[in-house]
Amino acid sequence: MSARQTYTRPVAGWWRRNPFYRAYIVREMTCVAVIAYALELLVGLGRLVRGPETFEAWLTSLARPWPIFLNCVALLLIAYHAWTWFEVMPKTLPFISVGGRRVPDRAIVASGAIAAVIASLLLLLAFLYL
């Protein structure tokens, strides 16, 4: 290396060298599934505005094998995305004490996940019975 040449650190593949960074990149890439599903719902909303026939045609197109498969993959990725957010909660919240003792991180993560499952079930029940 000559005296005039500036050292540049290689940045290609920086995230593959450390398991923490690999998990970080996977977690961040799951947002693509969140965006794709949000766009799918927006398209459905647009079809609903256009009329019942258009909306029914959209629903029929979603009943094919490929969309079902892609929605199942999206569900798994979105569930992982949500779980990683629950894992971050104890790191971002101020310390919570009950009876002078700090609430364990696992209890905070579990309570967030349980609250999300209960809210999802309530929405499902409301959708099915209302």
N, C-alpha and C. Protein backbone atom coordinates (compact mmCIF):
# COMPACT_ATOMS: atom_id res chain seq x y z
N MET A 1 0.86 -1.17 0.00
CA MET A 1 0.00 0.00 0.00
C MET A 1 0.90 1.23 0.00
N SER A 2 0.64 2.12 -0.92
CA SER A 2 1.47 3.32 -1.01
C SER A 2 1.09 4.30 0.10
N ALA A 3 1.97 5.25 0.33
CA ALA A 3 1.74 6.23 1.40
C ALA A 3 0.56 7.13 1.11
N ARG A 4 0.21 7.28 -0.14
CA ARG A 4 -0.89 8.19 -0.49
C ARG A 4 -2.25 7.50 -0.52
N GLN A 5 -2.27 6.20 -0.51
CA GLN A 5 -3.53 5.48 -0.61
C GLN A 5 -4.21 5.41 0.76
N THR A 6 -5.47 5.76 0.81
CA THR A 6 -6.24 5.75 2.05
C THR A 6 -6.82 4.37 2.28
N TYR A 7 -6.76 3.92 3.51
CA TYR A 7 -7.33 2.61 3.85
C TYR A 7 -8.84 2.73 3.88
N THR A 8 -9.50 1.81 3.21
CA THR A 8 -10.96 1.74 3.28
C THR A 8 -11.32 0.35 3.77
N ARG A 9 -12.13 0.33 4.79
CA ARG A 9 -12.55 -0.94 5.37
C ARG A 9 -13.57 -1.60 4.44
N PRO A 10 -13.43 -2.90 4.17
CA PRO A 10 -14.42 -3.56 3.30
C PRO A 10 -15.76 -3.66 4.01
N VAL A 11 -16.82 -3.29 3.30
CA VAL A 11 -18.15 -3.31 3.90
C VAL A 11 -19.03 -4.40 3.33
N ALA A 12 -18.58 -5.05 2.28
CA ALA A 12 -19.39 -6.11 1.68
C ALA A 12 -19.56 -7.27 2.66
N GLY A 13 -20.79 -7.64 2.92
CA GLY A 13 -21.08 -8.78 3.78
C GLY A 13 -20.84 -8.55 5.26
N TRP A 14 -20.86 -7.30 5.71
CA TRP A 14 -20.59 -7.00 7.12
C TRP A 14 -21.56 -7.70 8.05
N TRP A 15 -22.77 -7.90 7.60
CA TRP A 15 -23.80 -8.47 8.46
C TRP A 15 -23.68 -9.99 8.55
N ARG A 16 -22.95 -10.63 7.63
CA ARG A 16 -22.82 -12.08 7.65
C ARG A 16 -21.76 -12.57 8.65
N ARG A 17 -20.91 -11.69 9.13
CA ARG A 17 -19.82 -12.09 10.01
C ARG A 17 -20.23 -12.26 11.47
N ASN A 18 -21.35 -11.70 11.85
CA ASN A 18 -21.75 -11.71 13.26
C ASN A 18 -23.21 -12.20 13.35
N PRO A 19 -23.48 -13.21 14.17
CA PRO A 19 -24.86 -13.73 14.28
C PRO A 19 -25.86 -12.66 14.71
N PHE A 20 -25.45 -11.72 15.55
CA PHE A 20 -26.35 -10.65 15.98
C PHE A 20 -26.78 -9.81 14.78
N TYR A 21 -25.83 -9.48 13.91
CA TYR A 21 -26.15 -8.68 12.74
C TYR A 21 -26.98 -9.46 11.73
N ARG A 22 -26.74 -10.77 11.61
CA ARG A 22 -27.57 -11.60 10.72
C ARG A 22 -29.02 -11.57 11.19
N ALA A 23 -29.22 -11.74 12.49
CA ALA A 23 -30.59 -11.70 13.03
C ALA A 23 -31.21 -10.33 12.81
N TYR A 24 -30.41 -9.28 12.95
CA TYR A 24 -30.89 -7.92 12.75
C TYR A 24 -31.37 -7.73 11.31
N ILE A 25 -30.58 -8.19 10.34
CA ILE A 25 -30.95 -8.03 8.93
C ILE A 25 -32.20 -8.84 8.61
N VAL A 26 -32.27 -10.06 9.12
CA VAL A 26 -33.48 -10.88 8.88
C VAL A 26 -34.70 -10.18 9.46
N ARG A 27 -34.56 -9.65 10.68
CA ARG A 27 -35.68 -8.95 11.31
C ARG A 27 -36.09 -7.74 10.48
N GLU A 28 -35.12 -6.99 9.99
CA GLU A 28 -35.44 -5.80 9.20
C GLU A 28 -36.04 -6.17 7.85
N MET A 29 -35.63 -7.29 7.28
CA MET A 29 -36.18 -7.69 5.98
C MET A 29 -37.61 -8.20 6.08
N THR A 30 -38.05 -8.59 7.27
CA THR A 30 -39.43 -9.03 7.41
C THR A 30 -40.41 -7.88 7.19
N CYS A 31 -39.92 -6.66 7.24
CA CYS A 31 -40.82 -5.53 6.99
C CYS A 31 -41.31 -5.55 5.55
N VAL A 32 -40.59 -6.22 4.65
CA VAL A 32 -41.06 -6.35 3.26
C VAL A 32 -42.39 -7.10 3.23
N ALA A 33 -42.50 -8.15 4.04
CA ALA A 33 -43.77 -8.90 4.11
C ALA A 33 -44.88 -8.03 4.68
N VAL A 34 -44.55 -7.21 5.67
CA VAL A 34 -45.55 -6.31 6.25
C VAL A 34 -46.04 -5.32 5.18
N ILE A 35 -45.12 -4.77 4.43
CA ILE A 35 -45.49 -3.81 3.37
C ILE A 35 -46.31 -4.50 2.29
N ALA A 36 -45.90 -5.69 1.87
CA ALA A 36 -46.62 -6.41 0.81
C ALA A 36 -48.05 -6.72 1.25
N TYR A 37 -48.22 -7.14 2.49
CA TYR A 37 -49.56 -7.46 2.96
C TYR A 37 -50.41 -6.19 3.09
N ALA A 38 -49.81 -5.11 3.54
CA ALA A 38 -50.54 -3.84 3.63
C ALA A 38 -50.99 -3.39 2.24
N LEU A 39 -50.13 -3.56 1.26
CA LEU A 39 -50.51 -3.21 -0.11
C LEU A 39 -51.63 -4.11 -0.63
N GLU A 40 -51.57 -5.38 -0.28
CA GLU A 40 -52.64 -6.30 -0.67
C GLU A 40 -53.98 -5.85 -0.08
N LEU A 41 -53.97 -5.46 1.19
CA LEU A 41 -55.19 -4.98 1.82
C LEU A 41 -55.68 -3.66 1.20
N LEU A 42 -54.76 -2.80 0.82
CA LEU A 42 -55.15 -1.55 0.16
C LEU A 42 -55.79 -1.82 -1.20
N VAL A 43 -55.25 -2.78 -1.92
CA VAL A 43 -55.86 -3.16 -3.20
C VAL A 43 -57.26 -3.69 -2.95
N GLY A 44 -57.43 -4.51 -1.94
CA GLY A 44 -58.75 -5.03 -1.60
C GLY A 44 -59.72 -3.92 -1.24
N LEU A 45 -59.24 -2.93 -0.51
CA LEU A 45 -60.08 -1.80 -0.16
C LEU A 45 -60.49 -1.01 -1.40
N GLY A 46 -59.55 -0.85 -2.32
CA GLY A 46 -59.87 -0.18 -3.59
C GLY A 46 -60.90 -0.95 -4.39
N ARG A 47 -60.79 -2.28 -4.39
CA ARG A 47 -61.78 -3.11 -5.09
C ARG A 47 -63.14 -3.04 -4.41
N LEU A 48 -63.15 -2.95 -3.10
CA LEU A 48 -64.41 -2.84 -2.37
C LEU A 48 -65.11 -1.54 -2.71
N VAL A 49 -64.36 -0.47 -2.86
CA VAL A 49 -64.94 0.83 -3.21
C VAL A 49 -65.56 0.79 -4.61
N ARG A 50 -64.96 0.00 -5.50
CA ARG A 50 -65.46 -0.07 -6.87
C ARG A 50 -66.74 -0.87 -7.02
N GLY A 51 -67.06 -1.66 -6.02
CA GLY A 51 -68.33 -2.40 -6.10
C GLY A 51 -68.18 -3.85 -5.68
N PRO A 52 -69.33 -4.48 -5.39
CA PRO A 52 -69.30 -5.86 -4.90
C PRO A 52 -68.73 -6.86 -5.92
N GLU A 53 -69.01 -6.66 -7.20
CA GLU A 53 -68.51 -7.60 -8.20
C GLU A 53 -66.98 -7.57 -8.27
N THR A 54 -66.42 -6.38 -8.25
CA THR A 54 -64.97 -6.24 -8.30
C THR A 54 -64.33 -6.82 -7.05
N PHE A 55 -64.96 -6.59 -5.92
CA PHE A 55 -64.42 -7.12 -4.66
C PHE A 55 -64.48 -8.64 -4.65
N GLU A 56 -65.58 -9.22 -5.13
CA GLU A 56 -65.70 -10.68 -5.18
C GLU A 56 -64.67 -11.28 -6.13
N ALA A 57 -64.39 -10.60 -7.23
CA ALA A 57 -63.36 -11.08 -8.17
C ALA A 57 -61.99 -11.06 -7.49
N TRP A 58 -61.73 -10.04 -6.69
CA TRP A 58 -60.46 -9.95 -5.95
C TRP A 58 -60.36 -11.08 -4.93
N LEU A 59 -61.46 -11.34 -4.20
CA LEU A 59 -61.46 -12.44 -3.24
C LEU A 59 -61.24 -13.78 -3.93
N THR A 60 -61.85 -13.96 -5.09
CA THR A 60 -61.67 -15.20 -5.85
C THR A 60 -60.21 -15.36 -6.28
N SER A 61 -59.59 -14.26 -6.68
CA SER A 61 -58.18 -14.35 -7.08
C SER A 61 -57.28 -14.70 -5.90
N LEU A 62 -57.67 -14.31 -4.70
CA LEU A 62 -56.88 -14.64 -3.51
C LEU A 62 -57.08 -16.09 -3.07
N ALA A 63 -58.11 -16.77 -3.58
CA ALA A 63 -58.38 -18.15 -3.19
C ALA A 63 -57.57 -19.15 -4.00
N ARG A 64 -56.73 -18.69 -4.90
CA ARG A 64 -55.88 -19.59 -5.69
C ARG A 64 -54.70 -20.05 -4.84
N PRO A 65 -54.04 -21.14 -5.25
CA PRO A 65 -52.95 -21.69 -4.43
C PRO A 65 -51.77 -20.73 -4.18
N TRP A 66 -51.32 -20.01 -5.21
CA TRP A 66 -50.17 -19.13 -5.01
C TRP A 66 -50.46 -18.02 -4.00
N PRO A 67 -51.55 -17.29 -4.12
CA PRO A 67 -51.81 -16.27 -3.10
C PRO A 67 -51.97 -16.85 -1.70
N ILE A 68 -52.57 -18.02 -1.59
CA ILE A 68 -52.70 -18.66 -0.27
C ILE A 68 -51.32 -18.97 0.29
N PHE A 69 -50.45 -19.54 -0.54
CA PHE A 69 -49.09 -19.84 -0.10
C PHE A 69 -48.35 -18.58 0.31
N LEU A 70 -48.43 -17.54 -0.52
CA LEU A 70 -47.72 -16.29 -0.21
C LEU A 70 -48.26 -15.63 1.06
N ASN A 71 -49.57 -15.71 1.26
CA ASN A 71 -50.14 -15.15 2.48
C ASN A 71 -49.72 -15.95 3.72
N CYS A 72 -49.57 -17.26 3.58
CA CYS A 72 -49.08 -18.07 4.71
C CYS A 72 -47.64 -17.71 5.04
N VAL A 73 -46.81 -17.53 4.01
CA VAL A 73 -45.42 -17.10 4.23
C VAL A 73 -45.40 -15.72 4.89
N ALA A 74 -46.25 -14.82 4.38
CA ALA A 74 -46.32 -13.48 4.97
C ALA A 74 -46.76 -13.54 6.43
N LEU A 75 -47.70 -14.43 6.73
CA LEU A 75 -48.15 -14.58 8.12
C LEU A 75 -46.99 -14.99 9.02
N LEU A 76 -46.19 -15.95 8.58
CA LEU A 76 -45.04 -16.39 9.37
C LEU A 76 -44.02 -15.26 9.55
N LEU A 77 -43.74 -14.54 8.47
CA LEU A 77 -42.77 -13.44 8.56
C LEU A 77 -43.29 -12.31 9.44
N ILE A 78 -44.56 -12.01 9.34
CA ILE A 78 -45.14 -10.95 10.17
C ILE A 78 -45.18 -11.37 11.62
N ALA A 79 -45.46 -12.64 11.89
CA ALA A 79 -45.43 -13.14 13.27
C ALA A 79 -44.02 -13.03 13.84
N TYR A 80 -43.00 -13.38 13.04
CA TYR A 80 -41.61 -13.23 13.49
C TYR A 80 -41.28 -11.76 13.74
N HIS A 81 -41.73 -10.90 12.84
CA HIS A 81 -41.51 -9.46 12.98
C HIS A 81 -42.12 -8.96 14.29
N ALA A 82 -43.34 -9.37 14.57
CA ALA A 82 -44.01 -8.94 15.80
C ALA A 82 -43.28 -9.49 17.03
N TRP A 83 -42.87 -10.76 16.97
CA TRP A 83 -42.17 -11.36 18.11
C TRP A 83 -40.88 -10.60 18.41
N THR A 84 -40.14 -10.22 17.39
CA THR A 84 -38.89 -9.50 17.64
C THR A 84 -39.16 -8.13 18.26
N TRP A 85 -40.30 -7.52 17.93
CA TRP A 85 -40.65 -6.26 18.58
C TRP A 85 -40.96 -6.48 20.05
N PHE A 86 -41.62 -7.59 20.36
CA PHE A 86 -41.89 -7.89 21.77
C PHE A 86 -40.59 -8.15 22.52
N GLU A 87 -39.61 -8.76 21.86
CA GLU A 87 -38.32 -8.99 22.50
C GLU A 87 -37.56 -7.70 22.77
N VAL A 88 -37.84 -6.67 21.99
CA VAL A 88 -37.17 -5.38 22.18
C VAL A 88 -37.81 -4.59 23.33
N MET A 89 -39.07 -4.89 23.64
CA MET A 89 -39.79 -4.10 24.66
C MET A 89 -39.03 -3.94 25.97
N PRO A 90 -38.47 -5.00 26.57
CA PRO A 90 -37.80 -4.80 27.86
C PRO A 90 -36.56 -3.91 27.75
N LYS A 91 -35.98 -3.83 26.57
CA LYS A 91 -34.79 -3.02 26.38
C LYS A 91 -35.13 -1.54 26.21
N THR A 92 -36.35 -1.26 25.78
CA THR A 92 -36.73 0.12 25.52
C THR A 92 -37.60 0.75 26.61
N LEU A 93 -38.25 -0.09 27.40
CA LEU A 93 -39.09 0.43 28.49
C LEU A 93 -38.23 0.81 29.69
N PRO A 94 -38.67 1.77 30.46
CA PRO A 94 -38.00 1.99 31.74
C PRO A 94 -38.22 0.77 32.64
N PHE A 95 -37.36 0.58 33.61
CA PHE A 95 -37.50 -0.57 34.49
C PHE A 95 -38.85 -0.53 35.19
N ILE A 96 -39.53 -1.67 35.18
CA ILE A 96 -40.84 -1.79 35.81
C ILE A 96 -40.66 -2.59 37.09
N SER A 97 -41.11 -2.02 38.20
CA SER A 97 -41.00 -2.70 39.49
C SER A 97 -42.39 -2.99 40.04
N VAL A 98 -42.54 -4.18 40.59
CA VAL A 98 -43.77 -4.57 41.26
C VAL A 98 -43.35 -5.10 42.63
N GLY A 99 -43.84 -4.47 43.65
CA GLY A 99 -43.49 -4.89 45.01
C GLY A 99 -42.01 -4.71 45.31
N GLY A 100 -41.39 -3.71 44.72
CA GLY A 100 -39.97 -3.46 44.96
C GLY A 100 -39.03 -4.36 44.18
N ARG A 101 -39.58 -5.25 43.35
CA ARG A 101 -38.75 -6.14 42.56
C ARG A 101 -38.95 -5.85 41.08
N ARG A 102 -37.88 -5.90 40.34
CA ARG A 102 -37.94 -5.64 38.90
C ARG A 102 -38.66 -6.78 38.19
N VAL A 103 -39.55 -6.42 37.27
CA VAL A 103 -40.27 -7.41 36.48
C VAL A 103 -39.29 -8.03 35.48
N PRO A 104 -39.22 -9.36 35.41
CA PRO A 104 -38.27 -10.00 34.47
C PRO A 104 -38.59 -9.68 33.02
N ASP A 105 -37.54 -9.67 32.20
CA ASP A 105 -37.72 -9.40 30.78
C ASP A 105 -38.66 -10.40 30.12
N ARG A 106 -38.55 -11.66 30.50
CA ARG A 106 -39.43 -12.69 29.92
C ARG A 106 -40.90 -12.40 30.19
N ALA A 107 -41.20 -11.87 31.37
CA ALA A 107 -42.60 -11.56 31.70
C ALA A 107 -43.12 -10.42 30.83
N ILE A 108 -42.26 -9.46 30.53
CA ILE A 108 -42.67 -8.33 29.68
C ILE A 108 -42.92 -8.82 28.26
N VAL A 109 -42.01 -9.64 27.74
CA VAL A 109 -42.17 -10.18 26.39
C VAL A 109 -43.43 -11.04 26.31
N ALA A 110 -43.62 -11.91 27.30
CA ALA A 110 -44.79 -12.79 27.30
C ALA A 110 -46.09 -12.00 27.39
N SER A 111 -46.11 -10.96 28.22
CA SER A 111 -47.34 -10.17 28.35
C SER A 111 -47.67 -9.45 27.05
N GLY A 112 -46.67 -8.94 26.35
CA GLY A 112 -46.93 -8.30 25.06
C GLY A 112 -47.45 -9.29 24.04
N ALA A 113 -46.86 -10.48 23.99
CA ALA A 113 -47.29 -11.49 23.04
C ALA A 113 -48.71 -11.98 23.36
N ILE A 114 -48.97 -12.18 24.64
CA ILE A 114 -50.31 -12.63 25.05
C ILE A 114 -51.35 -11.57 24.73
N ALA A 115 -51.02 -10.31 24.97
CA ALA A 115 -51.96 -9.22 24.64
C ALA A 115 -52.24 -9.19 23.14
N ALA A 116 -51.21 -9.40 22.32
CA ALA A 116 -51.41 -9.41 20.87
C ALA A 116 -52.28 -10.58 20.44
N VAL A 117 -52.08 -11.75 21.03
CA VAL A 117 -52.89 -12.92 20.69
C VAL A 117 -54.35 -12.69 21.10
N ILE A 118 -54.57 -12.15 22.29
CA ILE A 118 -55.94 -11.89 22.75
C ILE A 118 -56.62 -10.87 21.85
N ALA A 119 -55.90 -9.79 21.50
CA ALA A 119 -56.48 -8.78 20.62
C ALA A 119 -56.81 -9.38 19.25
N SER A 120 -55.94 -10.24 18.74
CA SER A 120 -56.20 -10.88 17.45
C SER A 120 -57.41 -11.79 17.52
N LEU A 121 -57.53 -12.55 18.60
CA LEU A 121 -58.69 -13.43 18.75
C LEU A 121 -59.98 -12.63 18.88
N LEU A 122 -59.94 -11.53 19.61
CA LEU A 122 -61.14 -10.69 19.73
C LEU A 122 -61.54 -10.11 18.38
N LEU A 123 -60.57 -9.68 17.60
CA LEU A 123 -60.88 -9.17 16.25
C LEU A 123 -61.44 -10.27 15.37
N LEU A 124 -60.88 -11.47 15.47
CA LEU A 124 -61.39 -12.59 14.69
C LEU A 124 -62.83 -12.92 15.08
N LEU A 125 -63.09 -12.96 16.36
CA LEU A 125 -64.46 -13.24 16.83
C LEU A 125 -65.43 -12.14 16.38
N ALA A 126 -64.99 -10.89 16.46
CA ALA A 126 -65.84 -9.80 16.02
C ALA A 126 -66.12 -9.91 14.53
N PHE A 127 -65.13 -10.31 13.77
CA PHE A 127 -65.30 -10.47 12.32
C PHE A 127 -66.24 -11.61 12.00
N LEU A 128 -66.13 -12.70 12.74
CA LEU A 128 -66.95 -13.88 12.45
C LEU A 128 -68.39 -13.73 12.90
N TYR A 129 -68.63 -13.01 13.99
CA TYR A 129 -69.98 -12.98 14.57
C TYR A 129 -70.70 -11.65 14.45
N LEU A 130 -70.10 -10.65 13.89
CA LEU A 130 -70.81 -9.37 13.74
C LEU A 130 -71.20 -9.12 12.33
